[in-house]
């Protein structure tokens, strides 16, 4: 079990997956910010 976990960690580190995760997080944060500004603008319009 521990060996498999170690192997998974090794694979996780060898794959360029961590930057993708951070990119996704950044995207989500930006999306939230954009959505908030958009909602504020729509409130001003109506």
N, C-alpha and C. Protein backbone atom coordinates (compact mmCIF):
# COMPACT_ATOMS: atom_id res chain seq x y z
N UNK A 1 0.83 -1.20 0.00
CA UNK A 1 0.00 0.00 0.00
C UNK A 1 0.87 1.26 0.00
N UNK A 2 1.82 1.32 0.88
CA UNK A 2 2.71 2.47 0.97
C UNK A 2 3.54 2.61 -0.31
N UNK A 3 3.93 1.47 -0.86
CA UNK A 3 4.72 1.46 -2.10
C UNK A 3 3.91 2.08 -3.24
N UNK A 4 2.64 1.71 -3.31
CA UNK A 4 1.77 2.25 -4.37
C UNK A 4 1.61 3.76 -4.20
N UNK A 5 1.44 4.18 -2.97
CA UNK A 5 1.30 5.60 -2.67
C UNK A 5 2.55 6.37 -3.10
N UNK A 6 3.71 5.79 -2.79
CA UNK A 6 4.99 6.39 -3.18
C UNK A 6 5.09 6.50 -4.69
N UNK A 7 4.64 5.46 -5.37
CA UNK A 7 4.67 5.44 -6.84
C UNK A 7 3.76 6.52 -7.40
N UNK A 8 2.60 6.67 -6.80
CA UNK A 8 1.66 7.71 -7.24
C UNK A 8 2.26 9.10 -7.06
N UNK A 9 2.92 9.30 -5.94
CA UNK A 9 3.58 10.59 -5.67
C UNK A 9 4.66 10.85 -6.71
N UNK A 10 5.41 9.80 -7.04
CA UNK A 10 6.47 9.92 -8.04
C UNK A 10 5.88 10.31 -9.39
N UNK A 11 4.80 9.63 -9.76
CA UNK A 11 4.13 9.93 -11.03
C UNK A 11 3.59 11.35 -11.02
N UNK A 12 3.01 11.73 -9.88
CA UNK A 12 2.43 13.06 -9.73
C UNK A 12 3.51 14.14 -9.92
N UNK A 13 4.70 13.88 -9.39
CA UNK A 13 5.79 14.85 -9.52
C UNK A 13 6.40 14.86 -10.91
N UNK A 14 6.44 13.70 -11.56
CA UNK A 14 7.02 13.66 -12.90
C UNK A 14 6.10 14.32 -13.92
N UNK A 15 4.79 14.17 -13.73
CA UNK A 15 3.83 14.78 -14.65
C UNK A 15 3.74 16.28 -14.37
N UNK A 16 3.56 17.09 -15.40
CA UNK A 16 3.40 18.53 -15.19
C UNK A 16 1.95 18.86 -14.81
N UNK A 17 1.53 18.26 -13.71
CA UNK A 17 0.13 18.37 -13.29
C UNK A 17 -0.04 19.51 -12.28
N UNK A 18 0.94 19.71 -11.44
CA UNK A 18 0.81 20.74 -10.39
C UNK A 18 0.60 22.14 -10.97
N UNK A 19 1.36 22.54 -12.00
CA UNK A 19 1.10 23.85 -12.62
C UNK A 19 -0.32 23.96 -13.17
N UNK A 20 -0.84 22.84 -13.70
CA UNK A 20 -2.20 22.84 -14.23
C UNK A 20 -3.20 23.11 -13.11
N UNK A 21 -2.98 22.50 -11.96
CA UNK A 21 -3.88 22.68 -10.81
C UNK A 21 -3.86 24.15 -10.37
N UNK A 22 -2.67 24.73 -10.29
CA UNK A 22 -2.55 26.13 -9.89
C UNK A 22 -3.20 27.03 -10.94
N UNK A 23 -3.06 26.64 -12.23
CA UNK A 23 -3.67 27.40 -13.31
C UNK A 23 -5.19 27.38 -13.18
N UNK A 24 -5.72 26.19 -12.87
CA UNK A 24 -7.16 26.04 -12.71
C UNK A 24 -7.64 26.90 -11.53
N UNK A 25 -6.87 26.89 -10.44
CA UNK A 25 -7.23 27.70 -9.26
C UNK A 25 -7.21 29.18 -9.62
N UNK A 26 -6.17 29.59 -10.35
CA UNK A 26 -6.08 30.99 -10.78
C UNK A 26 -7.26 31.36 -11.65
N UNK A 27 -7.61 30.44 -12.56
CA UNK A 27 -8.73 30.66 -13.47
C UNK A 27 -10.03 30.85 -12.68
N UNK A 28 -10.22 29.98 -11.68
CA UNK A 28 -11.43 30.06 -10.86
C UNK A 28 -11.50 31.39 -10.10
N UNK A 29 -10.37 31.81 -9.56
CA UNK A 29 -10.32 33.08 -8.81
C UNK A 29 -10.64 34.24 -9.76
N UNK A 30 -10.03 34.21 -10.94
CA UNK A 30 -10.27 35.26 -11.93
C UNK A 30 -11.73 35.26 -12.37
N UNK A 31 -12.28 34.06 -12.54
CA UNK A 31 -13.67 33.93 -12.96
C UNK A 31 -14.60 34.54 -11.91
N UNK A 32 -14.30 34.26 -10.65
CA UNK A 32 -15.10 34.83 -9.56
C UNK A 32 -15.03 36.35 -9.58
N UNK A 33 -13.84 36.87 -9.77
CA UNK A 33 -13.64 38.32 -9.79
C UNK A 33 -14.40 38.95 -10.96
N UNK A 34 -14.26 38.34 -12.13
CA UNK A 34 -14.93 38.83 -13.34
C UNK A 34 -16.44 38.78 -13.14
N UNK A 35 -16.90 37.67 -12.59
CA UNK A 35 -18.34 37.51 -12.35
C UNK A 35 -18.86 38.59 -11.39
N UNK A 36 -18.08 38.88 -10.37
CA UNK A 36 -18.47 39.88 -9.39
C UNK A 36 -18.57 41.26 -10.05
N UNK A 37 -17.56 41.62 -10.82
CA UNK A 37 -17.55 42.93 -11.49
C UNK A 37 -18.71 43.01 -12.49
N UNK A 38 -18.95 41.91 -13.17
CA UNK A 38 -20.04 41.86 -14.15
C UNK A 38 -21.39 42.05 -13.47
N UNK A 39 -21.58 41.39 -12.35
CA UNK A 39 -22.84 41.50 -11.60
C UNK A 39 -23.02 42.94 -11.10
N UNK A 40 -21.92 43.57 -10.66
CA UNK A 40 -21.99 44.96 -10.19
C UNK A 40 -22.40 45.86 -11.35
N UNK A 41 -21.82 45.64 -12.55
CA UNK A 41 -22.16 46.43 -13.73
C UNK A 41 -23.61 46.24 -14.12
N UNK A 42 -24.08 45.01 -14.07
CA UNK A 42 -25.47 44.72 -14.42
C UNK A 42 -26.41 45.38 -13.42
N UNK A 43 -26.00 45.44 -12.16
CA UNK A 43 -26.81 46.12 -11.14
C UNK A 43 -26.89 47.63 -11.44
N UNK A 44 -25.80 48.18 -11.93
CA UNK A 44 -25.79 49.59 -12.29
C UNK A 44 -26.70 49.84 -13.49
N UNK A 45 -26.71 48.90 -14.41
CA UNK A 45 -27.51 49.05 -15.63
C UNK A 45 -29.00 48.99 -15.31
N UNK A 46 -29.38 48.09 -14.44
CA UNK A 46 -30.82 47.91 -14.14
C UNK A 46 -31.30 48.89 -13.08
